[in-house]
Amino acid sequence: MEISGFDEINLVVAFNDVNLCLEAIAHGYRVIRTPNAKLLHLESVSRGLDTTAENMERFESEVSHLRKKWATCCKQAILSTIQTCFSISGL
């Protein structure tokens, strides 16, 4: 399989969806979204907020991993096709 799926080691909580989309694009697939879908995402309801020092450190580690992994990609036009789908400042 070309796309490895979720990264449970480096992205324990956050950004697995973003990583999966970027990996799909890097392998030549398209990520399609529809404005007609009505989705409800209750962020942090089951696990709580990232307000503890430990959770904040984990979150920053995940952001750093995503930035490093996709640094080249993010500097190329590949991201321009999906900028409306998500945003990570400084990525």
PDB file of N, CA and C in Angstrom:
ATOM      1  N   MET A   1       0.839  -1.185   0.000  1.00  0.00           N
ATOM      2  CA  MET A   1       0.000   0.000   0.000  1.00  0.00           C
ATOM      3  C   MET A   1       0.881   1.245   0.000  1.00  0.00           C
ATOM      4  N   GLU A   2       0.594   2.177  -0.856  1.00  0.00           N
ATOM      5  CA  GLU A   2       1.392   3.394  -0.985  1.00  0.00           C
ATOM      6  C   GLU A   2       1.267   4.309   0.226  1.00  0.00           C
ATOM      7  N   ILE A   3       0.057   4.454   0.726  1.00  0.00           N
ATOM      8  CA  ILE A   3      -0.210   5.383   1.816  1.00  0.00           C
ATOM      9  C   ILE A   3      -0.249   4.591   3.117  1.00  0.00           C
ATOM     10  N   SER A   4       0.516   5.044   4.083  1.00  0.00           N
ATOM     11  CA  SER A   4       0.698   4.259   5.304  1.00  0.00           C
ATOM     12  C   SER A   4      -0.425   4.407   6.318  1.00  0.00           C
ATOM     13  N   GLY A   5      -1.298   5.360   6.160  1.00  0.00           N
ATOM     14  CA  GLY A   5      -2.375   5.555   7.129  1.00  0.00           C
ATOM     15  C   GLY A   5      -1.960   6.479   8.258  1.00  0.00           C
ATOM     16  N   PHE A   6      -2.634   6.371   9.372  1.00  0.00           N
ATOM     17  CA  PHE A   6      -2.352   7.247  10.499  1.00  0.00           C
ATOM     18  C   PHE A   6      -1.000   6.921  11.127  1.00  0.00           C
ATOM     19  N   ASP A   7      -0.328   7.966  11.606  1.00  0.00           N
ATOM     20  CA  ASP A   7       0.980   7.843  12.250  1.00  0.00           C
ATOM     21  C   ASP A   7       0.777   7.887  13.763  1.00  0.00           C
ATOM     22  N   GLU A   8       0.587   6.732  14.364  1.00  0.00           N
ATOM     23  CA  GLU A   8       0.285   6.660  15.795  1.00  0.00           C
ATOM     24  C   GLU A   8       1.495   6.903  16.684  1.00  0.00           C
ATOM     25  N   ILE A   9       2.681   6.953  16.085  1.00  0.00           N
ATOM     26  CA  ILE A   9       3.893   7.173  16.872  1.00  0.00           C
ATOM     27  C   ILE A   9       4.214   8.662  16.999  1.00  0.00           C
ATOM     28  N   ASN A  10       4.232   9.368  15.864  1.00  0.00           N
ATOM     29  CA  ASN A  10       4.616  10.777  15.862  1.00  0.00           C
ATOM     30  C   ASN A  10       3.437  11.737  15.978  1.00  0.00           C
ATOM     31  N   LEU A  11       2.247  11.262  15.633  1.00  0.00           N
ATOM     32  CA  LEU A  11       1.043  12.089  15.690  1.00  0.00           C
ATOM     33  C   LEU A  11       0.012  11.363  16.549  1.00  0.00           C
ATOM     34  N   VAL A  12       0.265  11.336  17.825  1.00  0.00           N
ATOM     35  CA  VAL A  12      -0.543  10.555  18.757  1.00  0.00           C
ATOM     36  C   VAL A  12      -1.982  11.065  18.816  1.00  0.00           C
ATOM     37  N   VAL A  13      -2.161  12.381  18.789  1.00  0.00           N
ATOM     38  CA  VAL A  13      -3.498  12.959  18.932  1.00  0.00           C
ATOM     39  C   VAL A  13      -3.892  13.812  17.729  1.00  0.00           C
ATOM     40  N   ALA A  14      -3.032  14.742  17.353  1.00  0.00           N
ATOM     41  CA  ALA A  14      -3.411  15.756  16.364  1.00  0.00           C
ATOM     42  C   ALA A  14      -2.799  15.496  14.988  1.00  0.00           C
ATOM     43  N   PHE A  15      -3.430  16.055  13.972  1.00  0.00           N
ATOM     44  CA  PHE A  15      -2.909  16.178  12.610  1.00  0.00           C
ATOM     45  C   PHE A  15      -2.830  14.894  11.796  1.00  0.00           C
ATOM     46  N   ASN A  16      -3.360  13.782  12.291  1.00  0.00           N
ATOM     47  CA  ASN A  16      -3.335  12.579  11.479  1.00  0.00           C
ATOM     48  C   ASN A  16      -4.149  12.754  10.199  1.00  0.00           C
ATOM     49  N   ASP A  17      -5.238  13.489  10.274  1.00  0.00           N
ATOM     50  CA  ASP A  17      -6.047  13.726   9.091  1.00  0.00           C
ATOM     51  C   ASP A  17      -5.285  14.567   8.066  1.00  0.00           C
ATOM     52  N   VAL A  18      -4.595  15.583   8.539  1.00  0.00           N
ATOM     53  CA  VAL A  18      -3.801  16.450   7.659  1.00  0.00           C
ATOM     54  C   VAL A  18      -2.658  15.652   7.030  1.00  0.00           C
ATOM     55  N   ASN A  19      -1.963  14.878   7.852  1.00  0.00           N
ATOM     56  CA  ASN A  19      -0.857  14.059   7.376  1.00  0.00           C
ATOM     57  C   ASN A  19      -1.327  13.066   6.318  1.00  0.00           C
ATOM     58  N   LEU A  20      -2.467  12.431   6.552  1.00  0.00           N
ATOM     59  CA  LEU A  20      -3.014  11.465   5.602  1.00  0.00           C
ATOM     60  C   LEU A  20      -3.345  12.129   4.266  1.00  0.00           C
ATOM     61  N   CYS A  21      -3.939  13.305   4.312  1.00  0.00           N
ATOM     62  CA  CYS A  21      -4.254  14.035   3.076  1.00  0.00           C
ATOM     63  C   CYS A  21      -2.984  14.423   2.320  1.00  0.00           C
ATOM     64  N   LEU A  22      -1.989  14.918   3.028  1.00  0.00           N
ATOM     65  CA  LEU A  22      -0.736  15.298   2.378  1.00  0.00           C
ATOM     66  C   LEU A  22      -0.037  14.083   1.779  1.00  0.00           C
ATOM     67  N   GLU A  23      -0.093  12.959   2.470  1.00  0.00           N
ATOM     68  CA  GLU A  23       0.513  11.738   1.951  1.00  0.00           C
ATOM     69  C   GLU A  23      -0.214  11.272   0.688  1.00  0.00           C
ATOM     70  N   ALA A  24      -1.530  11.355   0.693  1.00  0.00           N
ATOM     71  CA  ALA A  24      -2.313  10.976  -0.491  1.00  0.00           C
ATOM     72  C   ALA A  24      -1.951  11.863  -1.680  1.00  0.00           C
ATOM     73  N   ILE A  25      -1.855  13.154  -1.450  1.00  0.00           N
ATOM     74  CA  ILE A  25      -1.494  14.092  -2.514  1.00  0.00           C
ATOM     75  C   ILE A  25      -0.091  13.806  -3.031  1.00  0.00           C
ATOM     76  N   ALA A  26       0.837  13.527  -2.118  1.00  0.00           N
ATOM     77  CA  ALA A  26       2.220  13.239  -2.509  1.00  0.00           C
ATOM     78  C   ALA A  26       2.300  11.982  -3.388  1.00  0.00           C
ATOM     79  N   HIS A  27       1.339  11.074  -3.255  1.00  0.00           N
ATOM     80  CA  HIS A  27       1.305   9.861  -4.063  1.00  0.00           C
ATOM     81  C   HIS A  27       0.422  10.011  -5.298  1.00  0.00           C
ATOM     82  N   GLY A  28       0.028  11.236  -5.602  1.00  0.00           N
ATOM     83  CA  GLY A  28      -0.712  11.494  -6.828  1.00  0.00           C
ATOM     84  C   GLY A  28      -2.219  11.409  -6.723  1.00  0.00           C
ATOM     85  N   TYR A  29      -2.735  11.196  -5.529  1.00  0.00           N
ATOM     86  CA  TYR A  29      -4.183  11.160  -5.346  1.00  0.00           C
ATOM     87  C   TYR A  29      -4.714  12.570  -5.130  1.00  0.00           C
ATOM     88  N   ARG A  30      -6.000  12.725  -5.250  1.00  0.00           N
ATOM     89  CA  ARG A  30      -6.637  14.013  -4.978  1.00  0.00           C
ATOM     90  C   ARG A  30      -7.413  13.915  -3.673  1.00  0.00           C
ATOM     91  N   VAL A  31      -7.425  15.001  -2.945  1.00  0.00           N
ATOM     92  CA  VAL A  31      -8.237  15.104  -1.740  1.00  0.00           C
ATOM     93  C   VAL A  31      -9.402  16.012  -2.100  1.00  0.00           C
ATOM     94  N   ILE A  32     -10.575  15.467  -2.028  1.00  0.00           N
ATOM     95  CA  ILE A  32     -11.765  16.196  -2.462  1.00  0.00           C
ATOM     96  C   ILE A  32     -12.621  16.534  -1.247  1.00  0.00           C
ATOM     97  N   ARG A  33     -13.115  17.728  -1.235  1.00  0.00           N
ATOM     98  CA  ARG A  33     -14.024  18.139  -0.170  1.00  0.00           C
ATOM     99  C   ARG A  33     -15.307  18.650  -0.803  1.00  0.00           C
ATOM    100  N   THR A  34     -16.349  18.638  -0.043  1.00  0.00           N
ATOM    101  CA  THR A  34     -17.615  19.159  -0.529  1.00  0.00           C
ATOM    102  C   THR A  34     -18.159  20.185   0.459  1.00  0.00           C
ATOM    103  N   PRO A  35     -18.634  21.300  -0.044  1.00  0.00           N
ATOM    104  CA  PRO A  35     -19.231  22.296   0.853  1.00  0.00           C
ATOM    105  C   PRO A  35     -20.625  21.868   1.315  1.00  0.00           C
ATOM    106  N   ASN A  36     -21.148  20.790   0.741  1.00  0.00           N
ATOM    107  CA  ASN A  36     -22.498  20.352   1.075  1.00  0.00           C
ATOM    108  C   ASN A  36     -22.555  19.443   2.297  1.00  0.00           C
ATOM    109  N   ALA A  37     -21.426  18.901   2.723  1.00  0.00           N
ATOM    110  CA  ALA A  37     -21.410  18.009   3.884  1.00  0.00           C
ATOM    111  C   ALA A  37     -21.578  18.813   5.167  1.00  0.00           C
ATOM    112  N   LYS A  38     -22.339  18.272   6.081  1.00  0.00           N
ATOM    113  CA  LYS A  38     -22.504  18.893   7.399  1.00  0.00           C
ATOM    114  C   LYS A  38     -21.939  17.918   8.419  1.00  0.00           C
ATOM    115  N   LEU A  39     -20.757  18.254   8.924  1.00  0.00           N
ATOM    116  CA  LEU A  39     -20.057  17.382   9.864  1.00  0.00           C
ATOM    117  C   LEU A  39     -19.943  18.063  11.218  1.00  0.00           C
ATOM    118  N   LEU A  40     -19.950  17.275  12.255  1.00  0.00           N
ATOM    119  CA  LEU A  40     -19.805  17.798  13.603  1.00  0.00           C
ATOM    120  C   LEU A  40     -18.591  17.124  14.234  1.00  0.00           C
ATOM    121  N   HIS A  41     -17.621  17.930  14.627  1.00  0.00           N
ATOM    122  CA  HIS A  41     -16.398  17.401  15.241  1.00  0.00           C
ATOM    123  C   HIS A  41     -16.278  18.016  16.633  1.00  0.00           C
ATOM    124  N   LEU A  42     -16.365  17.181  17.639  1.00  0.00           N
ATOM    125  CA  LEU A  42     -16.287  17.662  19.016  1.00  0.00           C
ATOM    126  C   LEU A  42     -14.863  17.494  19.523  1.00  0.00           C
ATOM    127  N   GLU A  43     -14.003  18.402  19.114  1.00  0.00           N
ATOM    128  CA  GLU A  43     -12.582  18.355  19.462  1.00  0.00           C
ATOM    129  C   GLU A  43     -12.392  18.285  20.972  1.00  0.00           C
ATOM    130  N   SER A  44     -11.605  17.347  21.402  1.00  0.00           N
ATOM    131  CA  SER A  44     -11.173  17.206  22.790  1.00  0.00           C
ATOM    132  C   SER A  44     -12.262  16.766  23.766  1.00  0.00           C
ATOM    133  N   VAL A  45     -13.449  16.434  23.315  1.00  0.00           N
ATOM    134  CA  VAL A  45     -14.519  16.063  24.237  1.00  0.00           C
ATOM    135  C   VAL A  45     -14.155  14.809  25.027  1.00  0.00           C
ATOM    136  N   SER A  46     -13.623  13.809  24.362  1.00  0.00           N
ATOM    137  CA  SER A  46     -13.337  12.556  25.043  1.00  0.00           C
ATOM    138  C   SER A  46     -12.011  12.565  25.801  1.00  0.00           C
ATOM    139  N   ARG A  47     -11.069  13.401  25.423  1.00  0.00           N
ATOM    140  CA  ARG A  47      -9.752  13.360  26.047  1.00  0.00           C
ATOM    141  C   ARG A  47      -9.407  14.607  26.838  1.00  0.00           C
ATOM    142  N   GLY A  48     -10.192  15.648  26.736  1.00  0.00           N
ATOM    143  CA  GLY A  48      -9.915  16.886  27.456  1.00  0.00           C
ATOM    144  C   GLY A  48      -9.061  17.846  26.629  1.00  0.00           C
ATOM    145  N   LEU A  49      -8.883  19.024  27.150  1.00  0.00           N
ATOM    146  CA  LEU A  49      -8.129  20.068  26.450  1.00  0.00           C
ATOM    147  C   LEU A  49      -6.630  19.870  26.593  1.00  0.00           C
ATOM    148  N   ASP A  50      -5.877  20.486  25.710  1.00  0.00           N
ATOM    149  CA  ASP A  50      -4.419  20.431  25.746  1.00  0.00           C
ATOM    150  C   ASP A  50      -3.865  21.559  26.615  1.00  0.00           C
ATOM    151  N   THR A  51      -4.355  21.671  27.825  1.00  0.00           N
ATOM    152  CA  THR A  51      -3.934  22.783  28.681  1.00  0.00           C
ATOM    153  C   THR A  51      -2.865  22.399  29.694  1.00  0.00           C
ATOM    154  N   THR A  52      -2.605  21.112  29.879  1.00  0.00           N
ATOM    155  CA  THR A  52      -1.540  20.714  30.805  1.00  0.00           C
ATOM    156  C   THR A  52      -0.195  20.856  30.103  1.00  0.00           C
ATOM    157  N   ALA A  53       0.845  20.984  30.878  1.00  0.00           N
ATOM    158  CA  ALA A  53       2.191  21.119  30.301  1.00  0.00           C
ATOM    159  C   ALA A  53       2.536  19.913  29.433  1.00  0.00           C
ATOM    160  N   GLU A  54       2.173  18.730  29.897  1.00  0.00           N
ATOM    161  CA  GLU A  54       2.467  17.502  29.145  1.00  0.00           C
ATOM    162  C   GLU A  54       1.735  17.484  27.799  1.00  0.00           C
ATOM    163  N   ASN A  55       0.461  17.852  27.810  1.00  0.00           N
ATOM    164  CA  ASN A  55      -0.310  17.864  26.558  1.00  0.00           C
ATOM    165  C   ASN A  55       0.167  18.949  25.608  1.00  0.00           C
ATOM    166  N   MET A  56       0.546  20.096  26.155  1.00  0.00           N
ATOM    167  CA  MET A  56       1.054  21.183  25.313  1.00  0.00           C
ATOM    168  C   MET A  56       2.375  20.772  24.661  1.00  0.00           C
ATOM    169  N   GLU A  57       3.211  20.085  25.420  1.00  0.00           N
ATOM    170  CA  GLU A  57       4.490  19.606  24.887  1.00  0.00           C
ATOM    171  C   GLU A  57       4.260  18.583  23.772  1.00  0.00           C
ATOM    172  N   ARG A  58       3.312  17.675  23.970  1.00  0.00           N
ATOM    173  CA  ARG A  58       2.984  16.691  22.947  1.00  0.00           C
ATOM    174  C   ARG A  58       2.467  17.363  21.687  1.00  0.00           C
ATOM    175  N   PHE A  59       1.579  18.348  21.862  1.00  0.00           N
ATOM    176  CA  PHE A  59       1.030  19.072  20.723  1.00  0.00           C
ATOM    177  C   PHE A  59       2.132  19.777  19.929  1.00  0.00           C
ATOM    178  N   GLU A  60       3.022  20.465  20.623  1.00  0.00           N
ATOM    179  CA  GLU A  60       4.125  21.160  19.946  1.00  0.00           C
ATOM    180  C   GLU A  60       5.033  20.167  19.224  1.00  0.00           C
ATOM    181  N   SER A  61       5.231  19.005  19.801  1.00  0.00           N
ATOM    182  CA  SER A  61       6.029  17.962  19.161  1.00  0.00           C
ATOM    183  C   SER A  61       5.360  17.489  17.869  1.00  0.00           C
ATOM    184  N   GLU A  62       4.038  17.358  17.897  1.00  0.00           N
ATOM    185  CA  GLU A  62       3.303  16.925  16.710  1.00  0.00           C
ATOM    186  C   GLU A  62       3.343  17.994  15.619  1.00  0.00           C
ATOM    187  N   VAL A  63       3.222  19.253  16.006  1.00  0.00           N
ATOM    188  CA  VAL A  63       3.339  20.349  15.038  1.00  0.00           C
ATOM    189  C   VAL A  63       4.727  20.334  14.403  1.00  0.00           C
ATOM    190  N   SER A  64       5.752  20.171  15.230  1.00  0.00           N
ATOM    191  CA  SER A  64       7.128  20.139  14.739  1.00  0.00           C
ATOM    192  C   SER A  64       7.341  18.974  13.777  1.00  0.00           C
ATOM    193  N   HIS A  65       6.810  17.809  14.121  1.00  0.00           N
ATOM    194  CA  HIS A  65       6.945  16.644  13.241  1.00  0.00           C
ATOM    195  C   HIS A  65       6.292  16.904  11.890  1.00  0.00           C
ATOM    196  N   LEU A  66       5.092  17.456  11.908  1.00  0.00           N
ATOM    197  CA  LEU A  66       4.373  17.725  10.654  1.00  0.00           C
ATOM    198  C   LEU A  66       5.133  18.731   9.799  1.00  0.00           C
ATOM    199  N   ARG A  67       5.646  19.772  10.427  1.00  0.00           N
ATOM    200  CA  ARG A  67       6.407  20.790   9.684  1.00  0.00           C
ATOM    201  C   ARG A  67       7.664  20.196   9.061  1.00  0.00           C
ATOM    202  N   LYS A  68       8.380  19.360   9.812  1.00  0.00           N
ATOM    203  CA  LYS A  68       9.606  18.754   9.281  1.00  0.00           C
ATOM    204  C   LYS A  68       9.297  17.770   8.160  1.00  0.00           C
ATOM    205  N   LYS A  69       8.302  16.925   8.375  1.00  0.00           N
ATOM    206  CA  LYS A  69       7.971  15.896   7.391  1.00  0.00           C
ATOM    207  C   LYS A  69       7.542  16.500   6.065  1.00  0.00           C
ATOM    208  N   TRP A  70       6.787  17.588   6.112  1.00  0.00           N
ATOM    209  CA  TRP A  70       6.217  18.160   4.896  1.00  0.00           C
ATOM    210  C   TRP A  70       6.842  19.500   4.522  1.00  0.00           C
ATOM    211  N   ALA A  71       8.035  19.797   5.023  1.00  0.00           N
ATOM    212  CA  ALA A  71       8.677  21.084   4.746  1.00  0.00           C
ATOM    213  C   ALA A  71       8.839  21.339   3.255  1.00  0.00           C
ATOM    214  N   THR A  72       9.325  20.360   2.512  1.00  0.00           N
ATOM    215  CA  THR A  72       9.517  20.525   1.074  1.00  0.00           C
ATOM    216  C   THR A  72       8.186  20.692   0.373  1.00  0.00           C
ATOM    217  N   CYS A  73       7.247  19.856   0.725  1.00  0.00           N
ATOM    218  CA  CYS A  73       5.921  19.892   0.129  1.00  0.00           C
ATOM    219  C   CYS A  73       5.263  21.250   0.356  1.00  0.00           C
ATOM    220  N   CYS A  74       5.406  21.756   1.543  1.00  0.00           N
ATOM    221  CA  CYS A  74       4.736  23.001   1.898  1.00  0.00           C
ATOM    222  C   CYS A  74       5.315  24.212   1.182  1.00  0.00           C
ATOM    223  N   LYS A  75       6.504  24.076   0.665  1.00  0.00           N
ATOM    224  CA  LYS A  75       7.117  25.174  -0.080  1.00  0.00           C
ATOM    225  C   LYS A  75       6.772  25.105  -1.558  1.00  0.00           C
ATOM    226  N   GLN A  76       6.125  24.016  -1.969  1.00  0.00           N
ATOM    227  CA  GLN A  76       5.767  23.832  -3.368  1.00  0.00           C
ATOM    228  C   GLN A  76       4.282  24.096  -3.559  1.00  0.00           C
ATOM    229  N   ALA A  77       3.870  24.079  -4.815  1.00  0.00           N
ATOM    230  CA  ALA A  77       2.485  24.378  -5.155  1.00  0.00           C
ATOM    231  C   ALA A  77       1.502  23.304  -4.720  1.00  0.00           C
ATOM    232  N   ILE A  78       1.990  22.154  -4.303  1.00  0.00           N
ATOM    233  CA  ILE A  78       1.092  21.061  -3.930  1.00  0.00           C
ATOM    234  C   ILE A  78       0.099  21.482  -2.852  1.00  0.00           C
ATOM    235  N   LEU A  79       0.533  22.341  -1.937  1.00  0.00           N
ATOM    236  CA  LEU A  79      -0.374  22.785  -0.887  1.00  0.00           C
ATOM    237  C   LEU A  79      -1.383  23.802  -1.372  1.00  0.00           C
ATOM    238  N   SER A  80      -1.096  24.490  -2.451  1.00  0.00           N
ATOM    239  CA  SER A  80      -2.018  25.519  -2.912  1.00  0.00           C
ATOM    240  C   SER A  80      -3.364  24.934  -3.295  1.00  0.00           C
ATOM    241  N   THR A  81      -3.399  23.647  -3.631  1.00  0.00           N
ATOM    242  CA  THR A  81      -4.660  23.034  -4.016  1.00  0.00           C
ATOM    243  C   THR A  81      -5.538  22.709  -2.826  1.00  0.00           C
ATOM    244  N   ILE A  82      -4.974  22.724  -1.610  1.00  0.00           N
ATOM    245  CA  ILE A  82      -5.779  22.368  -0.444  1.00  0.00           C
ATOM    246  C   ILE A  82      -5.733  23.411   0.663  1.00  0.00           C
ATOM    247  N   GLN A  83      -5.246  24.596   0.380  1.00  0.00           N
ATOM    248  CA  GLN A  83      -5.135  25.614   1.426  1.00  0.00           C
ATOM    249  C   GLN A  83      -6.474  25.966   2.040  1.00  0.00           C
ATOM    250  N   THR A  84      -7.567  25.799   1.306  1.00  0.00           N
ATOM    251  CA  THR A  84      -8.850  26.125   1.869  1.00  0.00           C
ATOM    252  C   THR A  84      -9.352  25.060   2.826  1.00  0.00           C
ATOM    253  N   CYS A  85      -8.694  23.897   2.857  1.00  0.00           N
ATOM    254  CA  CYS A  85      -9.163  22.790   3.698  1.00  0.00           C
ATOM    255  C   CYS A  85      -8.608  22.850   5.113  1.00  0.00           C
ATOM    256  N   PHE A  86      -7.433  23.395   5.304  1.00  0.00           N
ATOM    257  CA  PHE A  86      -6.865  23.468   6.645  1.00  0.00           C
ATOM    258  C   PHE A  86      -5.792  24.550   6.669  1.00  0.00           C
ATOM    259  N   SER A  87      -5.414  24.896   7.874  1.00  0.00           N
ATOM    260  CA  SER A  87      -4.383  25.912   8.014  1.00  0.00           C
ATOM    261  C   SER A  87      -3.582  25.650   9.285  1.00  0.00           C
ATOM    262  N   ILE A  88      -2.274  25.674   9.140  1.00  0.00           N
ATOM    263  CA  ILE A  88      -1.374  25.624  10.287  1.00  0.00           C
ATOM    264  C   ILE A  88      -0.406  26.784  10.086  1.00  0.00           C
ATOM    265  N   SER A  89      -0.499  27.788  10.909  1.00  0.00           N
ATOM    266  CA  SER A  89       0.334  28.972  10.698  1.00  0.00           C
ATOM    267  C   SER A  89       1.805  28.603  10.737  1.00  0.00           C
ATOM    268  N   GLY A  90       2.536  29.119   9.808  1.00  0.00           N
ATOM    269  CA  GLY A  90       3.971  28.893   9.754  1.00  0.00           C
ATOM    270  C   GLY A  90       4.379  27.593   9.130  1.00  0.00           C
ATOM    271  N   LEU A  91       3.426  26.783   8.694  1.00  0.00           N
ATOM    272  CA  LEU A  91       3.755  25.487   8.102  1.00  0.00           C
ATOM    273  C   LEU A  91       4.413  25.663   6.764  1.00  0.00           C
TER     274      LEU A  91
END
